[in-house]
């Protein structure tokens, strides 16, 4: 806590009255698969170049690709661990990020529609994404890596809560 913090308030990215729900760890596998799809051809090309040219210093490039892949794997695990959402009475909170943290608050009454998406890779890993759309693009939010049943439940719940909040207008 800094000296200018107000006593009794919580961290801005971790409100005190909130129970966070993490996303599925299967999102790690999906993101690492995409990384492998991109890095494997680059690795193969750099190895082929090093073999064909025959210069020892060219093996630096395949080594850099491997180091990059290992670093991405470490970062992805940490990123997915930082993604969570929380349902409150009047809004939905979505947080993500470790170094560059983000907390998006989407009031139910401002929601226009809710999308659930799952491409072929996401379906293979048994996950889906929920996209919440509001009138303002700045307050729209997405939650990646949800099990399909949870994504459908969240979609239905957000849509019903949004309709209930709009009924009073």
C-alpha atoms as a PDB file:
ATOM      1  CA  UNK A   1       0.000   0.000   0.000  1.00  0.00           C
ATOM      2  CA  UNK A   2       1.375   3.395  -0.893  1.00  0.00           C
ATOM      3  CA  UNK A   3       1.319   6.360   1.419  1.00  0.00           C
ATOM      4  CA  UNK A   4      -1.383   8.107  -0.638  1.00  0.00           C
ATOM      5  CA  UNK A   5      -3.755   5.114  -0.563  1.00  0.00           C
ATOM      6  CA  UNK A   6      -7.120   5.590   1.066  1.00  0.00           C
ATOM      7  CA  UNK A   7      -7.541   3.361   4.152  1.00  0.00           C
ATOM      8  CA  UNK A   8     -10.188   0.676   3.704  1.00  0.00           C
ATOM      9  CA  UNK A   9      -9.930   0.540  -0.100  1.00  0.00           C
ATOM     10  CA  UNK A  10      -8.588  -2.434  -1.973  1.00  0.00           C
ATOM     11  CA  UNK A  11      -6.142  -2.833  -4.807  1.00  0.00           C
ATOM     12  CA  UNK A  12      -7.664  -1.440  -8.050  1.00  0.00           C
ATOM     13  CA  UNK A  13      -7.197  -4.761  -9.862  1.00  0.00           C
ATOM     14  CA  UNK A  14      -8.464  -6.915  -7.004  1.00  0.00           C
ATOM     15  CA  UNK A  15     -11.628  -5.502  -5.401  1.00  0.00           C
ATOM     16  CA  UNK A  16     -12.214  -6.848  -1.910  1.00  0.00           C
ATOM     17  CA  UNK A  17     -15.796  -8.056  -2.402  1.00  0.00           C
ATOM     18  CA  UNK A  18     -15.088 -10.186  -5.497  1.00  0.00           C
ATOM     19  CA  UNK A  19     -14.648 -13.919  -6.006  1.00  0.00           C
ATOM     20  CA  UNK A  20     -12.673 -14.498  -9.203  1.00  0.00           C
ATOM     21  CA  UNK A  21     -13.321 -17.434 -11.544  1.00  0.00           C
ATOM     22  CA  UNK A  22     -10.224 -18.438 -13.537  1.00  0.00           C
ATOM     23  CA  UNK A  23     -10.409 -19.575 -17.153  1.00  0.00           C
ATOM     24  CA  UNK A  24      -9.621 -23.137 -18.177  1.00  0.00           C
ATOM     25  CA  UNK A  25      -5.962 -24.172 -18.192  1.00  0.00           C
ATOM     26  CA  UNK A  26      -6.692 -25.763 -21.600  1.00  0.00           C
ATOM     27  CA  UNK A  27      -6.215 -22.271 -23.032  1.00  0.00           C
ATOM     28  CA  UNK A  28      -2.477 -22.771 -22.429  1.00  0.00           C
ATOM     29  CA  UNK A  29      -2.439 -25.771 -24.767  1.00  0.00           C
ATOM     30  CA  UNK A  30      -4.361 -23.876 -27.443  1.00  0.00           C
ATOM     31  CA  UNK A  31      -2.031 -20.883 -27.317  1.00  0.00           C
ATOM     32  CA  UNK A  32       1.073 -23.085 -27.300  1.00  0.00           C
ATOM     33  CA  UNK A  33      -0.263 -24.981 -30.320  1.00  0.00           C
ATOM     34  CA  UNK A  34      -0.617 -21.708 -32.228  1.00  0.00           C
ATOM     35  CA  UNK A  35       2.934 -20.806 -31.195  1.00  0.00           C
ATOM     36  CA  UNK A  36       4.209 -24.181 -32.443  1.00  0.00           C
ATOM     37  CA  UNK A  37       2.373 -23.738 -35.752  1.00  0.00           C
ATOM     38  CA  UNK A  38       4.219 -20.445 -36.273  1.00  0.00           C
ATOM     39  CA  UNK A  39       7.625 -21.346 -34.880  1.00  0.00           C
ATOM     40  CA  UNK A  40       8.094 -24.874 -36.284  1.00  0.00           C
ATOM     41  CA  UNK A  41       8.458 -23.755 -39.934  1.00  0.00           C
ATOM     42  CA  UNK A  42      10.837 -20.979 -38.849  1.00  0.00           C
ATOM     43  CA  UNK A  43      12.897 -23.493 -36.868  1.00  0.00           C
ATOM     44  CA  UNK A  44      12.989 -25.928 -39.790  1.00  0.00           C
ATOM     45  CA  UNK A  45      14.075 -23.194 -42.207  1.00  0.00           C
ATOM     46  CA  UNK A  46      16.858 -21.989 -39.933  1.00  0.00           C
ATOM     47  CA  UNK A  47      18.106 -25.558 -39.381  1.00  0.00           C
ATOM     48  CA  UNK A  48      17.977 -26.214 -43.127  1.00  0.00           C
ATOM     49  CA  UNK A  49      19.907 -23.011 -43.779  1.00  0.00           C
ATOM     50  CA  UNK A  50      22.563 -23.946 -41.211  1.00  0.00           C
ATOM     51  CA  UNK A  51      22.921 -27.454 -42.665  1.00  0.00           C
ATOM     52  CA  UNK A  52      23.032 -26.373 -46.317  1.00  0.00           C
ATOM     53  CA  UNK A  53      25.451 -23.481 -45.834  1.00  0.00           C
ATOM     54  CA  UNK A  54      27.617 -25.428 -43.404  1.00  0.00           C
ATOM     55  CA  UNK A  55      28.699 -22.431 -41.328  1.00  0.00           C
ATOM     56  CA  UNK A  56      28.764 -23.135 -37.595  1.00  0.00           C
ATOM     57  CA  UNK A  57      27.663 -19.610 -36.614  1.00  0.00           C
ATOM     58  CA  UNK A  58      24.323 -20.103 -38.448  1.00  0.00           C
ATOM     59  CA  UNK A  59      23.243 -22.506 -35.685  1.00  0.00           C
ATOM     60  CA  UNK A  60      22.682 -19.392 -33.593  1.00  0.00           C
ATOM     61  CA  UNK A  61      19.392 -18.812 -35.456  1.00  0.00           C
ATOM     62  CA  UNK A  62      17.780 -22.184 -34.626  1.00  0.00           C
ATOM     63  CA  UNK A  63      18.952 -21.716 -31.034  1.00  0.00           C
ATOM     64  CA  UNK A  64      17.270 -18.293 -30.928  1.00  0.00           C
ATOM     65  CA  UNK A  65      14.025 -19.804 -32.234  1.00  0.00           C
ATOM     66  CA  UNK A  66      14.134 -22.458 -29.488  1.00  0.00           C
ATOM     67  CA  UNK A  67      14.834 -19.811 -26.827  1.00  0.00           C
ATOM     68  CA  UNK A  68      11.966 -17.693 -28.191  1.00  0.00           C
ATOM     69  CA  UNK A  69       9.633 -20.714 -28.029  1.00  0.00           C
ATOM     70  CA  UNK A  70      10.632 -21.453 -24.434  1.00  0.00           C
ATOM     71  CA  UNK A  71      10.111 -17.814 -23.429  1.00  0.00           C
ATOM     72  CA  UNK A  72       6.676 -17.738 -25.108  1.00  0.00           C
ATOM     73  CA  UNK A  73       5.706 -20.961 -23.298  1.00  0.00           C
ATOM     74  CA  UNK A  74       6.655 -19.391 -19.958  1.00  0.00           C
ATOM     75  CA  UNK A  75       4.779 -16.162 -20.716  1.00  0.00           C
ATOM     76  CA  UNK A  76       1.635 -17.954 -21.940  1.00  0.00           C
ATOM     77  CA  UNK A  77       1.391 -20.002 -18.744  1.00  0.00           C
ATOM     78  CA  UNK A  78       1.614 -16.848 -16.657  1.00  0.00           C
ATOM     79  CA  UNK A  79      -0.822 -14.901 -18.874  1.00  0.00           C
ATOM     80  CA  UNK A  80      -3.503 -17.585 -18.745  1.00  0.00           C
ATOM     81  CA  UNK A  81      -3.107 -17.837 -14.980  1.00  0.00           C
ATOM     82  CA  UNK A  82      -3.839 -14.111 -14.714  1.00  0.00           C
ATOM     83  CA  UNK A  83      -7.125 -14.204 -16.666  1.00  0.00           C
ATOM     84  CA  UNK A  84     -10.251 -14.344 -14.514  1.00  0.00           C
ATOM     85  CA  UNK A  85     -13.779 -12.980 -14.363  1.00  0.00           C
ATOM     86  CA  UNK A  86     -16.299 -12.229 -11.641  1.00  0.00           C
ATOM     87  CA  UNK A  87     -20.051 -11.791 -11.741  1.00  0.00           C
ATOM     88  CA  UNK A  88     -21.451  -9.139  -9.429  1.00  0.00           C
ATOM     89  CA  UNK A  89     -25.004  -7.938  -8.924  1.00  0.00           C
ATOM     90  CA  UNK A  90     -24.779  -5.073 -11.432  1.00  0.00           C
ATOM     91  CA  UNK A  91     -21.729  -5.796 -13.572  1.00  0.00           C
ATOM     92  CA  UNK A  92     -19.191  -8.296 -14.845  1.00  0.00           C
ATOM     93  CA  UNK A  93     -15.486  -7.849 -14.110  1.00  0.00           C
ATOM     94  CA  UNK A  94     -12.778  -9.220 -16.385  1.00  0.00           C
ATOM     95  CA  UNK A  95      -9.128  -9.010 -15.395  1.00  0.00           C
ATOM     96  CA  UNK A  96      -5.972 -10.030 -17.215  1.00  0.00           C
ATOM     97  CA  UNK A  97      -2.304  -9.282 -17.386  1.00  0.00           C
ATOM     98  CA  UNK A  98       0.711  -9.546 -15.137  1.00  0.00           C
ATOM     99  CA  UNK A  99       2.974  -6.687 -16.172  1.00  0.00           C
ATOM    100  CA  UNK A 100       0.339  -4.674 -18.008  1.00  0.00           C
ATOM    101  CA  UNK A 101      -2.746  -5.346 -15.915  1.00  0.00           C
ATOM    102  CA  UNK A 102      -6.263  -4.663 -17.080  1.00  0.00           C
ATOM    103  CA  UNK A 103      -9.604  -4.684 -15.291  1.00  0.00           C
ATOM    104  CA  UNK A 104     -12.710  -4.199 -17.416  1.00  0.00           C
ATOM    105  CA  UNK A 105     -16.055  -3.555 -15.731  1.00  0.00           C
ATOM    106  CA  UNK A 106     -19.068  -4.186 -17.968  1.00  0.00           C
ATOM    107  CA  UNK A 107     -22.391  -3.017 -16.492  1.00  0.00           C
ATOM    108  CA  UNK A 108     -25.191  -5.446 -17.387  1.00  0.00           C
ATOM    109  CA  UNK A 109     -27.494  -2.591 -18.376  1.00  0.00           C
ATOM    110  CA  UNK A 110     -24.982  -1.398 -21.020  1.00  0.00           C
ATOM    111  CA  UNK A 111     -24.664  -4.751 -22.784  1.00  0.00           C
ATOM    112  CA  UNK A 112     -26.099  -4.885 -26.270  1.00  0.00           C
ATOM    113  CA  UNK A 113     -25.347  -8.501 -27.112  1.00  0.00           C
ATOM    114  CA  UNK A 114     -23.178 -11.440 -26.082  1.00  0.00           C
ATOM    115  CA  UNK A 115     -21.301 -13.731 -28.506  1.00  0.00           C
ATOM    116  CA  UNK A 116     -19.913 -17.194 -27.895  1.00  0.00           C
ATOM    117  CA  UNK A 117     -17.200 -18.299 -30.339  1.00  0.00           C
ATOM    118  CA  UNK A 118     -15.179 -21.485 -30.739  1.00  0.00           C
ATOM    119  CA  UNK A 119     -12.997 -22.057 -33.783  1.00  0.00           C
ATOM    120  CA  UNK A 120     -11.644 -25.473 -34.791  1.00  0.00           C
ATOM    121  CA  UNK A 121      -8.609 -25.255 -32.508  1.00  0.00           C
ATOM    122  CA  UNK A 122     -10.668 -24.053 -29.550  1.00  0.00           C
ATOM    123  CA  UNK A 123     -13.176 -26.866 -30.078  1.00  0.00           C
ATOM    124  CA  UNK A 124     -10.291 -29.359 -30.212  1.00  0.00           C
ATOM    125  CA  UNK A 125      -9.151 -28.121 -26.793  1.00  0.00           C
ATOM    126  CA  UNK A 126     -12.713 -27.968 -25.437  1.00  0.00           C
ATOM    127  CA  UNK A 127     -12.816 -24.208 -24.879  1.00  0.00           C
ATOM    128  CA  UNK A 128     -14.821 -21.235 -26.124  1.00  0.00           C
ATOM    129  CA  UNK A 129     -14.744 -17.435 -25.927  1.00  0.00           C
ATOM    130  CA  UNK A 130     -17.454 -15.109 -24.688  1.00  0.00           C
ATOM    131  CA  UNK A 131     -17.507 -11.608 -26.175  1.00  0.00           C
ATOM    132  CA  UNK A 132     -19.590  -8.924 -24.438  1.00  0.00           C
ATOM    133  CA  UNK A 133     -20.564  -5.975 -26.626  1.00  0.00           C
ATOM    134  CA  UNK A 134     -21.668  -2.602 -25.293  1.00  0.00           C
ATOM    135  CA  UNK A 135     -22.466   0.725 -26.919  1.00  0.00           C
ATOM    136  CA  UNK A 136     -18.903   1.818 -26.198  1.00  0.00           C
ATOM    137  CA  UNK A 137     -16.063  -0.219 -27.748  1.00  0.00           C
ATOM    138  CA  UNK A 138     -13.871   0.770 -24.798  1.00  0.00           C
ATOM    139  CA  UNK A 139     -16.024  -1.215 -22.351  1.00  0.00           C
ATOM    140  CA  UNK A 140     -16.523  -4.311 -24.477  1.00  0.00           C
ATOM    141  CA  UNK A 141     -14.797  -7.357 -23.037  1.00  0.00           C
ATOM    142  CA  UNK A 142     -13.939 -10.905 -23.988  1.00  0.00           C
ATOM    143  CA  UNK A 143     -13.227 -13.963 -21.897  1.00  0.00           C
ATOM    144  CA  UNK A 144     -11.186 -16.622 -23.688  1.00  0.00           C
ATOM    145  CA  UNK A 145     -10.668 -20.183 -22.502  1.00  0.00           C
ATOM    146  CA  UNK A 146     -14.038 -21.050 -20.994  1.00  0.00           C
ATOM    147  CA  UNK A 147     -15.415 -24.584 -21.091  1.00  0.00           C
ATOM    148  CA  UNK A 148     -18.339 -24.601 -23.608  1.00  0.00           C
ATOM    149  CA  UNK A 149     -20.984 -25.239 -20.929  1.00  0.00           C
ATOM    150  CA  UNK A 150     -19.676 -22.363 -18.828  1.00  0.00           C
ATOM    151  CA  UNK A 151     -19.575 -20.121 -21.906  1.00  0.00           C
ATOM    152  CA  UNK A 152     -23.214 -20.949 -22.703  1.00  0.00           C
ATOM    153  CA  UNK A 153     -24.240 -20.432 -19.063  1.00  0.00           C
ATOM    154  CA  UNK A 154     -22.426 -17.106 -18.910  1.00  0.00           C
ATOM    155  CA  UNK A 155     -23.959 -15.996 -22.234  1.00  0.00           C
ATOM    156  CA  UNK A 156     -27.481 -16.797 -21.039  1.00  0.00           C
ATOM    157  CA  UNK A 157     -26.919 -15.196 -17.644  1.00  0.00           C
ATOM    158  CA  UNK A 158     -25.407 -12.017 -19.118  1.00  0.00           C
ATOM    159  CA  UNK A 159     -28.192 -11.728 -21.683  1.00  0.00           C
ATOM    160  CA  UNK A 160     -30.927 -12.159 -19.059  1.00  0.00           C
ATOM    161  CA  UNK A 161     -29.272  -9.733 -16.651  1.00  0.00           C
ATOM    162  CA  UNK A 162     -28.796  -7.229 -19.467  1.00  0.00           C
ATOM    163  CA  UNK A 163     -32.463  -7.492 -20.449  1.00  0.00           C
ATOM    164  CA  UNK A 164     -33.561  -7.075 -16.820  1.00  0.00           C
ATOM    165  CA  UNK A 165     -31.425  -3.899 -16.440  1.00  0.00           C
ATOM    166  CA  UNK A 166     -32.722  -2.441 -19.725  1.00  0.00           C
ATOM    167  CA  UNK A 167     -36.358  -3.076 -18.769  1.00  0.00           C
ATOM    168  CA  UNK A 168     -36.240  -0.212 -16.298  1.00  0.00           C
ATOM    169  CA  UNK A 169     -35.239   2.360 -18.949  1.00  0.00           C
END
